[in-house]
Amino acid sequence: MKHLLFSLAIMGVLSQSSIAQSLKTPSPSTPQYVKQDFGLSSIELSYSRPGIKGRKIFGDLVPFGKVWRTGANQATTLTFGDAVTIGGTMIPAGKYGLLSIPGANEWTLIITHQTDVTSAAAYKPDQDIVRIKATPQQLPFSVETFTIMFGNVLSSSCDLQLLWDNTFVSFPITTDIDSKVMTQIDNAMNKDTHPYFAAALYYLENGKDLNKALEWFNQAIAQDPTAFFAVYQKARCLAKLGRKQEAITTAKLGIDLAQKAGNADYVALNQKLISSLQ
């Protein structure tokens, strides 16, 4: 009888264990993985997202003046595909931790070599790469779920933004793409296949030599006289050079080519350019 009771008890324990192992429930602080194209590479963000759930957040759940992992559960990390500059410090490509010290009037954001900090006790100040001061802003609404996102994304700069409850904090990230793109252009122009349009457009958009850009637009159009998009950009280049009448004539050609291609967007762009020059 004792052997039977013991066997039944063991079976019950095994049964409960099996049920527990097969039960999947939602995480109370769901992880999020964000990949943002940036510069000539990308930034990858990994963090967990706690919710307010009726609690007081900053100054209570997240104390002021203490290191916070900037999320929940897992460590918050940033992986840079290329070197970036944060707070005046150049940071090589690689994976890093993001920590913060919230305050009522000022936050300190920390980029650290540590990528496994899940508690303040694990934080090692000597692993800091850079500290950035940021002023928290009051939101006119409440954000239930802690959110980190990339905003104001441009070719060589973006902002890393933190939002939770009614607090907003951000800091800028920049990267040097100009020297890399210029090197690519120089190398490409020494080959048989010349990226005239891409090179000209980069020069036009980034304040480079407009006469060189115009030369390359002409060469791109010579390769494909029906390239209405190249003709429009050439008209823009002429306008920036102050050659208004030539810009208008070129834009009118752009309208004709865009109409033949059935592209109403470029018809409108050329018309707008002409209006701005008259």
Protein backbone atom coordinates (compact mmCIF):
# COMPACT_ATOMS: atom_id res chain seq x y z
CA MET A 1 0.00 0.00 0.00
CA LYS A 2 2.85 2.36 0.91
CA HIS A 3 4.51 1.64 -2.42
CA LEU A 4 1.24 2.44 -4.23
CA LEU A 5 0.79 5.79 -2.42
CA PHE A 6 4.41 6.73 -3.11
CA SER A 7 4.00 5.90 -6.81
CA LEU A 8 0.82 7.97 -7.02
CA ALA A 9 2.53 10.92 -5.33
CA ILE A 10 5.45 10.76 -7.79
CA MET A 11 3.02 10.61 -10.72
CA GLY A 12 1.21 13.69 -9.38
CA VAL A 13 4.44 15.66 -9.09
CA LEU A 14 5.51 14.66 -12.62
CA SER A 15 2.05 15.56 -13.97
CA GLN A 16 2.16 19.03 -12.35
CA SER A 17 5.68 19.57 -13.69
CA SER A 18 4.57 18.64 -17.19
CA ILE A 19 1.63 21.06 -17.03
CA ALA A 20 3.87 23.87 -15.78
CA GLN A 21 6.38 23.30 -18.57
CA SER A 22 3.69 23.40 -21.27
CA LEU A 23 2.06 26.59 -19.99
CA LYS A 24 3.09 29.73 -21.89
CA THR A 25 1.99 33.10 -20.56
CA PRO A 26 2.69 36.66 -21.77
CA SER A 27 5.74 38.40 -20.34
CA PRO A 28 4.75 41.23 -17.98
CA SER A 29 7.49 43.37 -19.56
CA THR A 30 7.71 42.36 -23.19
CA PRO A 31 11.11 42.55 -24.92
CA GLN A 32 11.47 44.65 -28.06
CA TYR A 33 14.17 44.57 -30.71
CA VAL A 34 14.53 47.58 -33.02
CA LYS A 35 16.82 47.86 -36.03
CA GLN A 36 17.17 51.37 -37.41
CA ASP A 37 19.05 52.01 -40.65
CA PHE A 38 21.43 54.85 -39.87
CA GLY A 39 24.23 56.42 -41.88
CA LEU A 40 25.71 53.68 -44.02
CA SER A 41 24.86 50.94 -41.51
CA SER A 42 22.35 50.50 -38.68
CA ILE A 43 21.74 50.70 -34.94
CA GLU A 44 20.16 47.74 -33.15
CA LEU A 45 18.34 48.25 -29.86
CA SER A 46 17.32 45.53 -27.39
CA TYR A 47 15.32 46.23 -24.21
CA SER A 48 12.28 45.21 -22.16
CA ARG A 49 9.14 47.33 -21.81
CA PRO A 50 7.48 47.58 -18.39
CA GLY A 51 4.05 49.20 -18.03
CA ILE A 52 2.77 51.79 -15.57
CA LYS A 53 -0.02 49.50 -14.29
CA GLY A 54 -1.34 52.14 -11.91
CA ARG A 55 2.02 52.76 -10.25
CA LYS A 56 3.97 55.97 -9.67
CA ILE A 57 7.02 55.64 -11.91
CA PHE A 58 9.82 58.19 -11.65
CA GLY A 59 10.86 59.02 -8.12
CA ASP A 60 9.18 55.85 -6.82
CA LEU A 61 9.27 52.63 -8.87
CA VAL A 62 12.30 54.08 -10.66
CA PRO A 63 14.13 56.04 -7.93
CA PHE A 64 15.78 59.36 -8.62
CA GLY A 65 19.56 59.48 -8.35
CA LYS A 66 20.16 55.75 -8.79
CA VAL A 67 21.39 53.72 -11.74
CA TRP A 68 18.54 52.19 -13.76
CA ARG A 69 18.92 49.53 -16.43
CA THR A 70 16.57 51.67 -18.56
CA GLY A 71 13.96 48.97 -18.98
CA ALA A 72 13.02 45.76 -17.20
CA ASN A 73 14.22 42.16 -17.02
CA GLN A 74 17.06 42.05 -19.54
CA ALA A 75 19.90 44.54 -19.93
CA THR A 76 19.31 47.34 -22.43
CA THR A 77 21.85 47.29 -25.27
CA LEU A 78 22.74 49.26 -28.39
CA THR A 79 24.72 47.78 -31.28
CA PHE A 80 26.30 50.25 -33.69
CA GLY A 81 27.17 49.01 -37.17
CA ASP A 82 29.54 51.94 -37.69
CA ALA A 83 31.38 54.31 -35.38
CA VAL A 84 29.12 56.98 -33.88
CA THR A 85 29.62 60.07 -31.76
CA ILE A 86 27.63 60.59 -28.55
CA GLY A 87 28.24 63.46 -26.17
CA GLY A 88 31.39 64.42 -28.05
CA THR A 89 32.88 60.94 -27.66
CA MET A 90 33.51 58.72 -30.68
CA ILE A 91 32.33 55.17 -30.05
CA PRO A 92 33.62 52.38 -32.33
CA ALA A 93 31.23 49.94 -33.99
CA GLY A 94 30.12 47.26 -31.52
CA LYS A 95 27.66 46.35 -28.79
CA TYR A 96 27.24 48.47 -25.67
CA GLY A 97 24.97 48.83 -22.66
CA LEU A 98 22.59 51.74 -22.08
CA LEU A 99 22.02 52.81 -18.47
CA SER A 100 20.52 55.91 -16.95
CA ILE A 101 20.27 57.85 -13.71
CA PRO A 102 16.86 59.57 -13.69
CA GLY A 103 16.38 62.82 -11.85
CA ALA A 104 13.52 65.25 -11.33
CA ASN A 105 15.30 68.00 -13.28
CA GLU A 106 18.18 66.20 -14.98
CA TRP A 107 18.94 62.73 -16.28
CA THR A 108 22.31 61.14 -16.87
CA LEU A 109 22.45 58.68 -19.77
CA ILE A 110 25.36 56.24 -19.74
CA ILE A 111 26.91 54.29 -22.59
CA THR A 112 28.94 51.48 -21.02
CA HIS A 113 31.06 48.53 -22.07
CA GLN A 114 28.83 46.42 -19.79
CA THR A 115 26.10 44.64 -21.74
CA ASP A 116 24.66 42.55 -18.91
CA VAL A 117 23.64 45.06 -16.22
CA THR A 118 20.24 44.09 -14.83
CA SER A 119 20.64 45.66 -11.38
CA ALA A 120 22.36 48.69 -9.90
CA ALA A 121 24.66 46.40 -7.91
CA ALA A 122 26.16 45.02 -11.14
CA TYR A 123 27.06 48.46 -12.50
CA LYS A 124 30.77 49.29 -12.74
CA PRO A 125 31.49 53.03 -13.26
CA ASP A 126 34.97 52.27 -14.60
CA GLN A 127 33.31 50.66 -17.63
CA ASP A 128 31.63 53.94 -18.66
CA ILE A 129 32.38 55.18 -22.18
CA VAL A 130 30.45 58.42 -22.01
CA ARG A 131 27.86 60.13 -19.82
CA ILE A 132 25.33 62.53 -21.32
CA LYS A 133 23.24 65.02 -19.39
CA ALA A 134 19.65 65.48 -20.57
CA THR A 135 16.74 67.58 -19.35
CA PRO A 136 13.49 65.61 -18.98
CA GLN A 137 10.43 67.11 -20.64
CA GLN A 138 6.85 66.83 -19.44
CA LEU A 139 4.54 65.17 -21.95
CA PRO A 140 0.94 66.42 -22.33
CA PHE A 141 -0.19 62.78 -22.25
CA SER A 142 0.76 59.55 -20.51
CA VAL A 143 2.66 56.68 -22.18
CA GLU A 144 1.59 53.40 -20.54
CA THR A 145 4.39 51.20 -21.88
CA PHE A 146 8.04 52.21 -21.58
CA THR A 147 9.27 53.06 -25.07
CA ILE A 148 12.70 53.69 -26.58
CA MET A 149 12.67 54.86 -30.19
CA PHE A 150 14.73 56.65 -32.83
CA GLY A 151 13.49 60.08 -33.87
CA ASN A 152 14.58 62.90 -36.17
CA VAL A 153 16.47 60.37 -38.30
CA LEU A 154 18.64 62.09 -40.90
CA SER A 155 21.51 60.79 -43.01
CA SER A 156 24.13 61.41 -40.32
CA SER A 157 22.21 62.14 -37.11
CA CYS A 158 19.30 60.86 -35.06
CA ASP A 159 17.89 61.13 -31.54
CA LEU A 160 17.47 58.23 -29.15
CA GLN A 161 14.21 59.00 -27.34
CA LEU A 162 12.86 57.55 -24.06
CA LEU A 163 9.18 57.90 -23.19
CA TRP A 164 7.32 56.62 -20.16
CA ASP A 165 4.45 57.91 -18.09
CA ASN A 166 4.52 61.64 -18.82
CA THR A 167 8.32 61.94 -19.14
CA PHE A 168 10.34 62.37 -22.34
CA VAL A 169 14.16 62.26 -22.51
CA SER A 170 16.40 62.18 -25.58
CA PHE A 171 20.00 62.51 -26.69
CA PRO A 172 21.59 62.88 -30.14
CA ILE A 173 23.70 60.35 -32.01
CA THR A 174 25.81 61.35 -35.02
CA THR A 175 27.98 59.49 -37.50
CA ASP A 176 30.47 60.55 -40.17
CA ILE A 177 29.23 59.44 -43.56
CA ASP A 178 30.60 62.25 -45.71
CA SER A 179 34.21 61.08 -45.82
CA LYS A 180 33.08 57.52 -46.58
CA VAL A 181 30.70 58.57 -49.36
CA MET A 182 33.28 60.90 -50.88
CA THR A 183 35.81 58.05 -50.92
CA GLN A 184 33.24 55.79 -52.60
CA ILE A 185 32.54 58.45 -55.23
CA ASP A 186 36.24 58.99 -55.91
CA ASN A 187 36.81 55.25 -56.26
CA ALA A 188 33.71 54.70 -58.40
CA MET A 189 34.60 57.47 -60.83
CA ASN A 190 37.85 55.67 -61.61
CA LYS A 191 35.97 52.61 -62.83
CA ASP A 192 34.26 51.87 -66.13
CA THR A 193 30.71 52.18 -64.74
CA HIS A 194 30.26 55.66 -63.30
CA PRO A 195 27.39 56.34 -60.83
CA TYR A 196 26.86 59.82 -62.23
CA PHE A 197 23.32 60.36 -60.94
CA ALA A 198 23.93 59.09 -57.38
CA ALA A 199 27.15 61.10 -57.08
CA ALA A 200 25.54 64.26 -58.47
CA LEU A 201 22.55 63.94 -56.14
CA TYR A 202 24.84 63.53 -53.12
CA TYR A 203 26.75 66.66 -54.11
CA LEU A 204 23.46 68.56 -54.60
CA GLU A 205 21.96 67.50 -51.27
CA ASN A 206 25.09 68.01 -49.18
CA GLY A 207 26.41 71.41 -50.28
CA LYS A 208 29.25 70.12 -52.44
CA ASP A 209 30.54 71.55 -55.73
CA LEU A 210 27.34 72.34 -57.68
CA ASN A 211 29.17 72.79 -60.96
CA LYS A 212 30.57 69.28 -60.63
CA ALA A 213 27.08 68.03 -59.73
CA LEU A 214 25.68 69.70 -62.87
CA GLU A 215 28.37 68.05 -64.98
CA TRP A 216 27.45 64.65 -63.57
CA PHE A 217 23.71 65.25 -64.03
CA ASN A 218 24.41 66.02 -67.70
CA GLN A 219 26.39 62.81 -68.04
CA ALA A 220 23.62 60.79 -66.33
CA ILE A 221 21.05 62.28 -68.72
CA ALA A 222 23.30 61.53 -71.68
CA GLN A 223 23.29 57.88 -70.59
CA ASP A 224 19.46 57.90 -70.45
CA PRO A 225 17.73 60.92 -72.07
CA THR A 226 14.34 59.70 -70.77
CA ALA A 227 15.44 59.84 -67.10
CA PHE A 228 12.86 62.41 -65.97
CA PHE A 229 14.04 62.15 -62.35
CA ALA A 230 17.58 63.17 -63.37
CA VAL A 231 16.25 66.08 -65.42
CA TYR A 232 14.30 67.34 -62.40
CA GLN A 233 17.38 67.18 -60.18
CA LYS A 234 19.39 68.99 -62.86
CA ALA A 235 16.76 71.75 -62.82
CA ARG A 236 17.13 72.01 -59.03
CA CYS A 237 20.90 72.21 -59.40
CA LEU A 238 20.60 75.02 -61.95
CA ALA A 239 18.24 76.87 -59.62
CA LYS A 240 20.72 76.62 -56.75
CA LEU A 241 23.42 77.95 -59.06
CA GLY A 242 21.23 80.99 -59.72
CA ARG A 243 20.67 80.08 -63.37
CA LYS A 244 16.89 80.56 -63.16
CA GLN A 245 15.97 80.65 -66.84
CA GLU A 246 17.94 77.49 -67.59
CA ALA A 247 16.33 75.86 -64.55
CA ILE A 248 12.84 76.73 -65.83
CA THR A 249 13.62 75.42 -69.33
CA THR A 250 15.00 72.18 -67.85
CA ALA A 251 12.00 71.80 -65.54
CA LYS A 252 9.64 72.16 -68.52
CA LEU A 253 11.56 69.35 -70.25
CA GLY A 254 11.18 67.37 -67.00
CA ILE A 255 7.41 67.88 -67.12
CA ASP A 256 7.25 66.58 -70.70
CA LEU A 257 9.35 63.50 -69.86
CA ALA A 258 7.42 62.78 -66.65
CA GLN A 259 4.08 63.03 -68.52
CA LYS A 260 5.32 60.56 -71.14
CA ALA A 261 6.40 58.22 -68.33
CA GLY A 262 3.03 58.62 -66.59
CA ASN A 263 4.63 59.97 -63.41
CA ALA A 264 2.35 62.65 -61.97
CA ASP A 265 4.56 63.17 -58.91
CA TYR A 266 7.47 64.48 -60.98
CA VAL A 267 5.14 66.60 -63.10
CA ALA A 268 4.02 68.29 -59.88
CA LEU A 269 7.60 68.64 -58.56
CA ASN A 270 8.73 70.41 -61.73
CA GLN A 271 5.68 72.66 -61.74
CA LYS A 272 6.37 73.64 -58.13
CA LEU A 273 9.99 74.39 -58.95
CA ILE A 274 8.98 76.60 -61.88
CA SER A 275 6.51 78.49 -59.68
CA SER A 276 9.23 79.14 -57.09
CA LEU A 277 11.48 80.67 -59.75
CA GLN A 278 8.97 83.04 -61.35
